[in-house]
mmCIF file of all heavy atoms, coordinates in Angstrom:
data_MODEL
# 
_entry.id   MODEL 
# 
loop_
_atom_site.group_PDB 
_atom_site.id 
_atom_site.type_symbol 
_atom_site.label_atom_id 
_atom_site.label_alt_id 
_atom_site.label_comp_id 
_atom_site.label_asym_id 
_atom_site.label_entity_id 
_atom_site.label_seq_id 
_atom_site.pdbx_PDB_ins_code 
_atom_site.Cartn_x 
_atom_site.Cartn_y 
_atom_site.Cartn_z 
_atom_site.occupancy 
_atom_site.B_iso_or_equiv 
_atom_site.pdbx_formal_charge 
_atom_site.auth_seq_id 
_atom_site.auth_comp_id 
_atom_site.auth_asym_id 
_atom_site.auth_atom_id 
_atom_site.pdbx_PDB_model_num 
ATOM 1   N N   . LEU A 1 1  ? 0.814  -1.261 0.046  1.00 0.00 ? 1  LEU A N   1 
ATOM 2   C CA  . LEU A 1 1  ? -0.029 0.046  -0.028 1.00 0.00 ? 1  LEU A CA  1 
ATOM 3   C C   . LEU A 1 1  ? 0.869  1.299  -0.041 1.00 0.00 ? 1  LEU A C   1 
ATOM 4   O O   . LEU A 1 1  ? 0.444  2.348  -0.573 1.00 0.00 ? 1  LEU A O   1 
ATOM 5   C CB  . LEU A 1 1  ? -0.929 0.002  1.225  1.00 0.00 ? 1  LEU A CB  1 
ATOM 6   C CG  . LEU A 1 1  ? -2.096 -0.991 1.171  1.00 0.00 ? 1  LEU A CG  1 
ATOM 7   C CD1 . LEU A 1 1  ? -2.858 -0.975 2.509  1.00 0.00 ? 1  LEU A CD1 1 
ATOM 8   C CD2 . LEU A 1 1  ? -3.052 -0.669 -0.028 1.00 0.00 ? 1  LEU A CD2 1 
ATOM 9   N N   . MET A 1 2  ? 2.038  1.167  0.664  1.00 0.00 ? 2  MET A N   1 
ATOM 10  C CA  . MET A 1 2  ? 2.869  2.314  0.686  1.00 0.00 ? 2  MET A CA  1 
ATOM 11  C C   . MET A 1 2  ? 3.553  2.711  -0.664 1.00 0.00 ? 2  MET A C   1 
ATOM 12  O O   . MET A 1 2  ? 4.157  3.826  -0.840 1.00 0.00 ? 2  MET A O   1 
ATOM 13  C CB  . MET A 1 2  ? 3.996  2.157  1.724  1.00 0.00 ? 2  MET A CB  1 
ATOM 14  C CG  . MET A 1 2  ? 3.539  2.214  3.155  1.00 0.00 ? 2  MET A CG  1 
ATOM 15  S SD  . MET A 1 2  ? 2.863  3.831  3.601  1.00 0.00 ? 2  MET A SD  1 
ATOM 16  C CE  . MET A 1 2  ? 4.323  4.834  3.579  1.00 0.00 ? 2  MET A CE  1 
ATOM 17  N N   . LYS A 1 3  ? 3.409  1.804  -1.637 1.00 0.00 ? 3  LYS A N   1 
ATOM 18  C CA  . LYS A 1 3  ? 3.917  2.059  -2.971 1.00 0.00 ? 3  LYS A CA  1 
ATOM 19  C C   . LYS A 1 3  ? 3.114  3.170  -3.686 1.00 0.00 ? 3  LYS A C   1 
ATOM 20  O O   . LYS A 1 3  ? 3.537  3.711  -4.762 1.00 0.00 ? 3  LYS A O   1 
ATOM 21  C CB  . LYS A 1 3  ? 3.960  0.824  -3.816 1.00 0.00 ? 3  LYS A CB  1 
ATOM 22  C CG  . LYS A 1 3  ? 5.045  -0.156 -3.275 1.00 0.00 ? 3  LYS A CG  1 
ATOM 23  C CD  . LYS A 1 3  ? 5.111  -1.380 -4.247 1.00 0.00 ? 3  LYS A CD  1 
ATOM 24  C CE  . LYS A 1 3  ? 6.211  -2.349 -3.811 1.00 0.00 ? 3  LYS A CE  1 
ATOM 25  N NZ  . LYS A 1 3  ? 7.584  -1.883 -3.826 1.00 0.00 ? 3  LYS A NZ  1 
ATOM 26  N N   . ALA A 1 4  ? 1.956  3.552  -3.133 1.00 0.00 ? 4  ALA A N   1 
ATOM 27  C CA  . ALA A 1 4  ? 1.232  4.557  -3.712 1.00 0.00 ? 4  ALA A CA  1 
ATOM 28  C C   . ALA A 1 4  ? 1.748  5.981  -3.478 1.00 0.00 ? 4  ALA A C   1 
ATOM 29  O O   . ALA A 1 4  ? 1.328  6.948  -4.110 1.00 0.00 ? 4  ALA A O   1 
ATOM 30  C CB  . ALA A 1 4  ? -0.217 4.563  -3.108 1.00 0.00 ? 4  ALA A CB  1 
ATOM 31  N N   . TYR A 1 5  ? 2.826  6.086  -2.616 1.00 0.00 ? 5  TYR A N   1 
ATOM 32  C CA  . TYR A 1 5  ? 3.411  7.290  -2.264 1.00 0.00 ? 5  TYR A CA  1 
ATOM 33  C C   . TYR A 1 5  ? 4.790  7.295  -2.744 1.00 0.00 ? 5  TYR A C   1 
ATOM 34  O O   . TYR A 1 5  ? 5.543  6.339  -2.723 1.00 0.00 ? 5  TYR A O   1 
ATOM 35  C CB  . TYR A 1 5  ? 3.282  7.572  -0.783 1.00 0.00 ? 5  TYR A CB  1 
ATOM 36  C CG  . TYR A 1 5  ? 1.922  7.402  -0.248 1.00 0.00 ? 5  TYR A CG  1 
ATOM 37  C CD1 . TYR A 1 5  ? 1.503  6.269  0.394  1.00 0.00 ? 5  TYR A CD1 1 
ATOM 38  C CD2 . TYR A 1 5  ? 1.031  8.428  -0.346 1.00 0.00 ? 5  TYR A CD2 1 
ATOM 39  C CE1 . TYR A 1 5  ? 0.242  6.122  0.960  1.00 0.00 ? 5  TYR A CE1 1 
ATOM 40  C CE2 . TYR A 1 5  ? -0.307 8.358  0.149  1.00 0.00 ? 5  TYR A CE2 1 
ATOM 41  C CZ  . TYR A 1 5  ? -0.753 7.152  0.719  1.00 0.00 ? 5  TYR A CZ  1 
ATOM 42  O OH  . TYR A 1 5  ? -1.903 7.014  1.317  1.00 0.00 ? 5  TYR A OH  1 
ATOM 43  N N   . LYS A 1 6  ? 5.312  8.622  -3.009 1.00 0.00 ? 6  LYS A N   1 
ATOM 44  C CA  . LYS A 1 6  ? 6.685  8.784  -3.392 1.00 0.00 ? 6  LYS A CA  1 
ATOM 45  C C   . LYS A 1 6  ? 7.517  8.604  -2.115 1.00 0.00 ? 6  LYS A C   1 
ATOM 46  O O   . LYS A 1 6  ? 7.316  9.220  -1.070 1.00 0.00 ? 6  LYS A O   1 
ATOM 47  C CB  . LYS A 1 6  ? 6.974  10.203 -3.881 1.00 0.00 ? 6  LYS A CB  1 
ATOM 48  C CG  . LYS A 1 6  ? 6.346  10.445 -5.307 1.00 0.00 ? 6  LYS A CG  1 
ATOM 49  C CD  . LYS A 1 6  ? 6.720  11.838 -5.776 1.00 0.00 ? 6  LYS A CD  1 
ATOM 50  C CE  . LYS A 1 6  ? 6.223  12.074 -7.181 1.00 0.00 ? 6  LYS A CE  1 
ATOM 51  N NZ  . LYS A 1 6  ? 6.506  13.435 -7.744 1.00 0.00 ? 6  LYS A NZ  1 
ATOM 52  N N   . GLU A 1 7  ? 8.562  7.713  -2.305 1.00 0.00 ? 7  GLU A N   1 
ATOM 53  C CA  . GLU A 1 7  ? 9.451  7.447  -1.207 1.00 0.00 ? 7  GLU A CA  1 
ATOM 54  C C   . GLU A 1 7  ? 10.473 8.625  -1.074 1.00 0.00 ? 7  GLU A C   1 
ATOM 55  O O   . GLU A 1 7  ? 10.766 9.351  -2.086 1.00 0.00 ? 7  GLU A O   1 
ATOM 56  C CB  . GLU A 1 7  ? 10.158 6.131  -1.398 1.00 0.00 ? 7  GLU A CB  1 
ATOM 57  C CG  . GLU A 1 7  ? 11.071 5.642  -0.211 1.00 0.00 ? 7  GLU A CG  1 
ATOM 58  C CD  . GLU A 1 7  ? 10.263 5.592  1.141  1.00 0.00 ? 7  GLU A CD  1 
ATOM 59  O OE1 . GLU A 1 7  ? 9.697  4.570  1.401  1.00 0.00 ? 7  GLU A OE1 1 
ATOM 60  O OE2 . GLU A 1 7  ? 10.274 6.610  1.808  1.00 0.00 ? 7  GLU A OE2 1 
ATOM 61  N N   . VAL A 1 8  ? 10.981 8.776  0.139  1.00 0.00 ? 8  VAL A N   1 
ATOM 62  C CA  . VAL A 1 8  ? 12.071 9.773  0.372  1.00 0.00 ? 8  VAL A CA  1 
ATOM 63  C C   . VAL A 1 8  ? 13.404 9.174  -0.195 1.00 0.00 ? 8  VAL A C   1 
ATOM 64  O O   . VAL A 1 8  ? 13.752 8.116  0.227  1.00 0.00 ? 8  VAL A O   1 
ATOM 65  C CB  . VAL A 1 8  ? 12.228 10.051 1.839  1.00 0.00 ? 8  VAL A CB  1 
ATOM 66  C CG1 . VAL A 1 8  ? 13.367 11.078 2.035  1.00 0.00 ? 8  VAL A CG1 1 
ATOM 67  C CG2 . VAL A 1 8  ? 10.876 10.671 2.434  1.00 0.00 ? 8  VAL A CG2 1 
ATOM 68  N N   . PRO A 1 9  ? 14.095 9.820  -1.110 1.00 0.00 ? 9  PRO A N   1 
ATOM 69  C CA  . PRO A 1 9  ? 15.258 9.271  -1.627 1.00 0.00 ? 9  PRO A CA  1 
ATOM 70  C C   . PRO A 1 9  ? 16.403 9.203  -0.473 1.00 0.00 ? 9  PRO A C   1 
ATOM 71  O O   . PRO A 1 9  ? 16.357 9.955  0.481  1.00 0.00 ? 9  PRO A O   1 
ATOM 72  C CB  . PRO A 1 9  ? 15.725 10.274 -2.656 1.00 0.00 ? 9  PRO A CB  1 
ATOM 73  C CG  . PRO A 1 9  ? 14.478 11.049 -3.010 1.00 0.00 ? 9  PRO A CG  1 
ATOM 74  C CD  . PRO A 1 9  ? 13.658 11.071 -1.731 1.00 0.00 ? 9  PRO A CD  1 
ATOM 75  N N   . HIS A 1 10 ? 17.249 8.194  -0.675 1.00 0.00 ? 10 HIS A N   1 
ATOM 76  C CA  . HIS A 1 10 ? 18.270 8.080  0.262  1.00 0.00 ? 10 HIS A CA  1 
ATOM 77  C C   . HIS A 1 10 ? 19.222 9.326  0.390  1.00 0.00 ? 10 HIS A C   1 
ATOM 78  O O   . HIS A 1 10 ? 19.787 9.658  1.544  1.00 0.00 ? 10 HIS A O   1 
ATOM 79  C CB  . HIS A 1 10 ? 19.159 6.821  -0.066 1.00 0.00 ? 10 HIS A CB  1 
ATOM 80  C CG  . HIS A 1 10 ? 18.652 5.522  0.437  1.00 0.00 ? 10 HIS A CG  1 
ATOM 81  N ND1 . HIS A 1 10 ? 18.228 5.257  1.814  1.00 0.00 ? 10 HIS A ND1 1 
ATOM 82  C CD2 . HIS A 1 10 ? 18.356 4.429  -0.205 1.00 0.00 ? 10 HIS A CD2 1 
ATOM 83  C CE1 . HIS A 1 10 ? 17.841 4.058  1.897  1.00 0.00 ? 10 HIS A CE1 1 
ATOM 84  N NE2 . HIS A 1 10 ? 17.831 3.533  0.689  1.00 0.00 ? 10 HIS A NE2 1 
ATOM 85  N N   . TRP A 1 11 ? 19.293 10.010 -0.646 1.00 0.00 ? 11 TRP A N   1 
ATOM 86  C CA  . TRP A 1 11 ? 20.213 11.125 -0.697 1.00 0.00 ? 11 TRP A CA  1 
ATOM 87  C C   . TRP A 1 11 ? 19.671 12.311 0.176  1.00 0.00 ? 11 TRP A C   1 
ATOM 88  O O   . TRP A 1 11 ? 20.471 13.092 0.632  1.00 0.00 ? 11 TRP A O   1 
ATOM 89  C CB  . TRP A 1 11 ? 20.534 11.632 -2.108 1.00 0.00 ? 11 TRP A CB  1 
ATOM 90  C CG  . TRP A 1 11 ? 19.376 12.338 -2.864 1.00 0.00 ? 11 TRP A CG  1 
ATOM 91  C CD1 . TRP A 1 11 ? 18.578 11.754 -3.763 1.00 0.00 ? 11 TRP A CD1 1 
ATOM 92  C CD2 . TRP A 1 11 ? 19.120 13.666 -2.847 1.00 0.00 ? 11 TRP A CD2 1 
ATOM 93  N NE1 . TRP A 1 11 ? 17.718 12.680 -4.318 1.00 0.00 ? 11 TRP A NE1 1 
ATOM 94  C CE2 . TRP A 1 11 ? 17.993 13.904 -3.734 1.00 0.00 ? 11 TRP A CE2 1 
ATOM 95  C CE3 . TRP A 1 11 ? 19.584 14.783 -2.097 1.00 0.00 ? 11 TRP A CE3 1 
ATOM 96  C CZ2 . TRP A 1 11 ? 17.385 15.110 -3.880 1.00 0.00 ? 11 TRP A CZ2 1 
ATOM 97  C CZ3 . TRP A 1 11 ? 18.986 16.045 -2.325 1.00 0.00 ? 11 TRP A CZ3 1 
ATOM 98  C CH2 . TRP A 1 11 ? 17.979 16.229 -3.176 1.00 0.00 ? 11 TRP A CH2 1 
ATOM 99  N N   . TRP A 1 12 ? 18.356 12.328 0.487  1.00 0.00 ? 12 TRP A N   1 
ATOM 100 C CA  . TRP A 1 12 ? 17.811 13.312 1.362  1.00 0.00 ? 12 TRP A CA  1 
ATOM 101 C C   . TRP A 1 12 ? 18.400 13.055 2.778  1.00 0.00 ? 12 TRP A C   1 
ATOM 102 O O   . TRP A 1 12 ? 18.874 14.038 3.354  1.00 0.00 ? 12 TRP A O   1 
ATOM 103 C CB  . TRP A 1 12 ? 16.329 13.213 1.352  1.00 0.00 ? 12 TRP A CB  1 
ATOM 104 C CG  . TRP A 1 12 ? 15.606 13.885 0.183  1.00 0.00 ? 12 TRP A CG  1 
ATOM 105 C CD1 . TRP A 1 12 ? 16.131 13.965 -1.030 1.00 0.00 ? 12 TRP A CD1 1 
ATOM 106 C CD2 . TRP A 1 12 ? 14.282 14.254 0.090  1.00 0.00 ? 12 TRP A CD2 1 
ATOM 107 N NE1 . TRP A 1 12 ? 15.179 14.510 -1.910 1.00 0.00 ? 12 TRP A NE1 1 
ATOM 108 C CE2 . TRP A 1 12 ? 13.997 14.656 -1.293 1.00 0.00 ? 12 TRP A CE2 1 
ATOM 109 C CE3 . TRP A 1 12 ? 13.198 14.379 1.017  1.00 0.00 ? 12 TRP A CE3 1 
ATOM 110 C CZ2 . TRP A 1 12 ? 12.856 15.114 -1.633 1.00 0.00 ? 12 TRP A CZ2 1 
ATOM 111 C CZ3 . TRP A 1 12 ? 12.001 14.822 0.561  1.00 0.00 ? 12 TRP A CZ3 1 
ATOM 112 C CH2 . TRP A 1 12 ? 11.784 15.288 -0.696 1.00 0.00 ? 12 TRP A CH2 1 
ATOM 113 N N   . TYR A 1 13 ? 18.253 11.822 3.172  1.00 0.00 ? 13 TYR A N   1 
ATOM 114 C CA  . TYR A 1 13 ? 18.739 11.483 4.527  1.00 0.00 ? 13 TYR A CA  1 
ATOM 115 C C   . TYR A 1 13 ? 20.261 11.599 4.512  1.00 0.00 ? 13 TYR A C   1 
ATOM 116 O O   . TYR A 1 13 ? 20.871 12.042 5.546  1.00 0.00 ? 13 TYR A O   1 
ATOM 117 C CB  . TYR A 1 13 ? 18.308 10.069 4.960  1.00 0.00 ? 13 TYR A CB  1 
ATOM 118 C CG  . TYR A 1 13 ? 16.904 9.987  5.268  1.00 0.00 ? 13 TYR A CG  1 
ATOM 119 C CD1 . TYR A 1 13 ? 15.926 9.378  4.323  1.00 0.00 ? 13 TYR A CD1 1 
ATOM 120 C CD2 . TYR A 1 13 ? 16.329 10.460 6.493  1.00 0.00 ? 13 TYR A CD2 1 
ATOM 121 C CE1 . TYR A 1 13 ? 14.635 9.260  4.683  1.00 0.00 ? 13 TYR A CE1 1 
ATOM 122 C CE2 . TYR A 1 13 ? 14.996 10.408 6.851  1.00 0.00 ? 13 TYR A CE2 1 
ATOM 123 C CZ  . TYR A 1 13 ? 14.133 9.767  5.922  1.00 0.00 ? 13 TYR A CZ  1 
ATOM 124 O OH  . TYR A 1 13 ? 12.825 9.730  6.200  1.00 0.00 ? 13 TYR A OH  1 
ATOM 125 N N   . GLY A 1 14 ? 20.913 11.120 3.509  1.00 0.00 ? 14 GLY A N   1 
ATOM 126 C CA  . GLY A 1 14 ? 22.381 11.175 3.428  1.00 0.00 ? 14 GLY A CA  1 
ATOM 127 C C   . GLY A 1 14 ? 22.802 12.638 3.529  1.00 0.00 ? 14 GLY A C   1 
ATOM 128 O O   . GLY A 1 14 ? 23.837 12.877 4.150  1.00 0.00 ? 14 GLY A O   1 
ATOM 129 N N   . SER A 1 15 ? 22.069 13.553 2.815  1.00 0.00 ? 15 SER A N   1 
ATOM 130 C CA  . SER A 1 15 ? 22.472 14.966 2.948  1.00 0.00 ? 15 SER A CA  1 
ATOM 131 C C   . SER A 1 15 ? 22.359 15.533 4.330  1.00 0.00 ? 15 SER A C   1 
ATOM 132 O O   . SER A 1 15 ? 23.213 16.257 4.760  1.00 0.00 ? 15 SER A O   1 
ATOM 133 C CB  . SER A 1 15 ? 21.621 15.747 1.980  1.00 0.00 ? 15 SER A CB  1 
ATOM 134 O OG  . SER A 1 15 ? 21.785 15.382 0.685  1.00 0.00 ? 15 SER A OG  1 
ATOM 135 N N   . VAL A 1 16 ? 21.359 15.173 5.056  1.00 0.00 ? 16 VAL A N   1 
ATOM 136 C CA  . VAL A 1 16 ? 21.162 15.532 6.455  1.00 0.00 ? 16 VAL A CA  1 
ATOM 137 C C   . VAL A 1 16 ? 22.355 15.069 7.301  1.00 0.00 ? 16 VAL A C   1 
ATOM 138 O O   . VAL A 1 16 ? 22.936 15.826 8.152  1.00 0.00 ? 16 VAL A O   1 
ATOM 139 C CB  . VAL A 1 16 ? 19.791 15.014 6.999  1.00 0.00 ? 16 VAL A CB  1 
ATOM 140 C CG1 . VAL A 1 16 ? 19.766 15.302 8.488  1.00 0.00 ? 16 VAL A CG1 1 
ATOM 141 C CG2 . VAL A 1 16 ? 18.661 15.695 6.222  1.00 0.00 ? 16 VAL A CG2 1 
ATOM 142 N N   . PHE A 1 17 ? 22.687 13.807 6.993  1.00 0.00 ? 17 PHE A N   1 
ATOM 143 C CA  . PHE A 1 17 ? 23.786 13.275 7.877  1.00 0.00 ? 17 PHE A CA  1 
ATOM 144 C C   . PHE A 1 17 ? 25.120 14.041 7.525  1.00 0.00 ? 17 PHE A C   1 
ATOM 145 O O   . PHE A 1 17 ? 25.916 14.360 8.426  1.00 0.00 ? 17 PHE A O   1 
ATOM 146 C CB  . PHE A 1 17 ? 23.901 11.763 7.594  1.00 0.00 ? 17 PHE A CB  1 
ATOM 147 C CG  . PHE A 1 17 ? 25.054 11.098 8.353  1.00 0.00 ? 17 PHE A CG  1 
ATOM 148 C CD1 . PHE A 1 17 ? 24.868 10.703 9.617  1.00 0.00 ? 17 PHE A CD1 1 
ATOM 149 C CD2 . PHE A 1 17 ? 26.279 10.946 7.662  1.00 0.00 ? 17 PHE A CD2 1 
ATOM 150 C CE1 . PHE A 1 17 ? 25.967 10.044 10.317 1.00 0.00 ? 17 PHE A CE1 1 
ATOM 151 C CE2 . PHE A 1 17 ? 27.398 10.311 8.307  1.00 0.00 ? 17 PHE A CE2 1 
ATOM 152 C CZ  . PHE A 1 17 ? 27.088 9.877  9.681  1.00 0.00 ? 17 PHE A CZ  1 
ATOM 153 N N   . ILE A 1 18 ? 25.411 14.122 6.191  1.00 0.00 ? 18 ILE A N   1 
ATOM 154 C CA  . ILE A 1 18 ? 26.737 14.774 5.799  1.00 0.00 ? 18 ILE A CA  1 
ATOM 155 C C   . ILE A 1 18 ? 26.832 16.209 6.370  1.00 0.00 ? 18 ILE A C   1 
ATOM 156 O O   . ILE A 1 18 ? 27.874 16.729 6.844  1.00 0.00 ? 18 ILE A O   1 
ATOM 157 C CB  . ILE A 1 18 ? 26.918 14.625 4.322  1.00 0.00 ? 18 ILE A CB  1 
ATOM 158 C CG1 . ILE A 1 18 ? 27.108 13.164 3.891  1.00 0.00 ? 18 ILE A CG1 1 
ATOM 159 C CG2 . ILE A 1 18 ? 28.175 15.411 3.857  1.00 0.00 ? 18 ILE A CG2 1 
ATOM 160 C CD1 . ILE A 1 18 ? 27.057 12.848 2.482  1.00 0.00 ? 18 ILE A CD1 1 
ATOM 161 N N   . ILE A 1 19 ? 25.741 16.952 6.089  1.00 0.00 ? 19 ILE A N   1 
ATOM 162 C CA  . ILE A 1 19 ? 25.788 18.346 6.546  1.00 0.00 ? 19 ILE A CA  1 
ATOM 163 C C   . ILE A 1 19 ? 25.906 18.423 8.061  1.00 0.00 ? 19 ILE A C   1 
ATOM 164 O O   . ILE A 1 19 ? 26.739 19.243 8.473  1.00 0.00 ? 19 ILE A O   1 
ATOM 165 C CB  . ILE A 1 19 ? 24.432 19.067 6.039  1.00 0.00 ? 19 ILE A CB  1 
ATOM 166 C CG1 . ILE A 1 19 ? 24.380 19.145 4.495  1.00 0.00 ? 19 ILE A CG1 1 
ATOM 167 C CG2 . ILE A 1 19 ? 24.350 20.434 6.689  1.00 0.00 ? 19 ILE A CG2 1 
ATOM 168 C CD1 . ILE A 1 19 ? 23.168 19.766 3.909  1.00 0.00 ? 19 ILE A CD1 1 
ATOM 169 N N   . SER A 1 20 ? 25.156 17.710 8.770  1.00 0.00 ? 20 SER A N   1 
ATOM 170 C CA  . SER A 1 20 ? 25.255 17.707 10.222 1.00 0.00 ? 20 SER A CA  1 
ATOM 171 C C   . SER A 1 20 ? 26.641 17.310 10.699 1.00 0.00 ? 20 SER A C   1 
ATOM 172 O O   . SER A 1 20 ? 27.254 17.907 11.611 1.00 0.00 ? 20 SER A O   1 
ATOM 173 C CB  . SER A 1 20 ? 24.207 16.739 10.816 1.00 0.00 ? 20 SER A CB  1 
ATOM 174 O OG  . SER A 1 20 ? 22.920 17.147 10.503 1.00 0.00 ? 20 SER A OG  1 
ATOM 175 N N   . PHE A 1 21 ? 27.196 16.292 10.063 1.00 0.00 ? 21 PHE A N   1 
ATOM 176 C CA  . PHE A 1 21 ? 28.575 15.821 10.311 1.00 0.00 ? 21 PHE A CA  1 
ATOM 177 C C   . PHE A 1 21 ? 29.598 16.917 10.075 1.00 0.00 ? 21 PHE A C   1 
ATOM 178 O O   . PHE A 1 21 ? 30.503 17.184 10.894 1.00 0.00 ? 21 PHE A O   1 
ATOM 179 C CB  . PHE A 1 21 ? 28.869 14.485 9.555  1.00 0.00 ? 21 PHE A CB  1 
ATOM 180 C CG  . PHE A 1 21 ? 30.167 13.893 9.943  1.00 0.00 ? 21 PHE A CG  1 
ATOM 181 C CD1 . PHE A 1 21 ? 30.396 13.586 11.342 1.00 0.00 ? 21 PHE A CD1 1 
ATOM 182 C CD2 . PHE A 1 21 ? 31.118 13.440 9.027  1.00 0.00 ? 21 PHE A CD2 1 
ATOM 183 C CE1 . PHE A 1 21 ? 31.559 12.890 11.646 1.00 0.00 ? 21 PHE A CE1 1 
ATOM 184 C CE2 . PHE A 1 21 ? 32.281 12.744 9.428  1.00 0.00 ? 21 PHE A CE2 1 
ATOM 185 C CZ  . PHE A 1 21 ? 32.473 12.557 10.685 1.00 0.00 ? 21 PHE A CZ  1 
ATOM 186 N N   . GLY A 1 22 ? 29.486 17.579 8.963  1.00 0.00 ? 22 GLY A N   1 
ATOM 187 C CA  . GLY A 1 22 ? 30.388 18.729 8.611  1.00 0.00 ? 22 GLY A CA  1 
ATOM 188 C C   . GLY A 1 22 ? 30.248 19.828 9.571  1.00 0.00 ? 22 GLY A C   1 
ATOM 189 O O   . GLY A 1 22 ? 31.306 20.389 10.067 1.00 0.00 ? 22 GLY A O   1 
ATOM 190 N N   . VAL A 1 23 ? 29.059 20.273 9.866  1.00 0.00 ? 23 VAL A N   1 
ATOM 191 C CA  . VAL A 1 23 ? 28.884 21.362 10.789 1.00 0.00 ? 23 VAL A CA  1 
ATOM 192 C C   . VAL A 1 23 ? 29.381 20.977 12.231 1.00 0.00 ? 23 VAL A C   1 
ATOM 193 O O   . VAL A 1 23 ? 29.823 21.845 13.004 1.00 0.00 ? 23 VAL A O   1 
ATOM 194 C CB  . VAL A 1 23 ? 27.375 21.771 10.864 1.00 0.00 ? 23 VAL A CB  1 
ATOM 195 C CG1 . VAL A 1 23 ? 27.105 22.879 11.935 1.00 0.00 ? 23 VAL A CG1 1 
ATOM 196 C CG2 . VAL A 1 23 ? 26.937 22.293 9.467  1.00 0.00 ? 23 VAL A CG2 1 
ATOM 197 N N   . SER A 1 24 ? 29.405 19.735 12.581 1.00 0.00 ? 24 SER A N   1 
ATOM 198 C CA  . SER A 1 24 ? 29.821 19.356 13.897 1.00 0.00 ? 24 SER A CA  1 
ATOM 199 C C   . SER A 1 24 ? 31.270 19.647 13.984 1.00 0.00 ? 24 SER A C   1 
ATOM 200 O O   . SER A 1 24 ? 31.683 20.014 15.028 1.00 0.00 ? 24 SER A O   1 
ATOM 201 C CB  . SER A 1 24 ? 29.604 17.748 13.997 1.00 0.00 ? 24 SER A CB  1 
ATOM 202 O OG  . SER A 1 24 ? 28.275 17.450 14.039 1.00 0.00 ? 24 SER A OG  1 
ATOM 203 N N   . PHE A 1 25 ? 32.049 19.495 12.968 1.00 0.00 ? 25 PHE A N   1 
ATOM 204 C CA  . PHE A 1 25 ? 33.445 19.927 13.008 1.00 0.00 ? 25 PHE A CA  1 
ATOM 205 C C   . PHE A 1 25 ? 33.605 21.395 13.267 1.00 0.00 ? 25 PHE A C   1 
ATOM 206 O O   . PHE A 1 25 ? 34.535 21.799 13.987 1.00 0.00 ? 25 PHE A O   1 
ATOM 207 C CB  . PHE A 1 25 ? 34.234 19.558 11.750 1.00 0.00 ? 25 PHE A CB  1 
ATOM 208 C CG  . PHE A 1 25 ? 34.478 18.049 11.564 1.00 0.00 ? 25 PHE A CG  1 
ATOM 209 C CD1 . PHE A 1 25 ? 33.714 17.189 10.815 1.00 0.00 ? 25 PHE A CD1 1 
ATOM 210 C CD2 . PHE A 1 25 ? 35.619 17.535 12.267 1.00 0.00 ? 25 PHE A CD2 1 
ATOM 211 C CE1 . PHE A 1 25 ? 33.970 15.903 10.692 1.00 0.00 ? 25 PHE A CE1 1 
ATOM 212 C CE2 . PHE A 1 25 ? 35.828 16.173 12.174 1.00 0.00 ? 25 PHE A CE2 1 
ATOM 213 C CZ  . PHE A 1 25 ? 35.163 15.309 11.410 1.00 0.00 ? 25 PHE A CZ  1 
ATOM 214 N N   . ALA A 1 26 ? 32.707 22.177 12.654 1.00 0.00 ? 26 ALA A N   1 
ATOM 215 C CA  . ALA A 1 26 ? 32.745 23.631 12.890 1.00 0.00 ? 26 ALA A CA  1 
ATOM 216 C C   . ALA A 1 26 ? 32.482 23.912 14.411 1.00 0.00 ? 26 ALA A C   1 
ATOM 217 O O   . ALA A 1 26 ? 33.066 24.804 14.968 1.00 0.00 ? 26 ALA A O   1 
ATOM 218 C CB  . ALA A 1 26 ? 31.710 24.338 11.943 1.00 0.00 ? 26 ALA A CB  1 
# 
């Protein structure tokens, strides 16, 4: 049933992780 909806691409979550990780160094 969930196939009726657009899934969130992995790169959305990956971007959140990478940006947060980079800002953590700052």
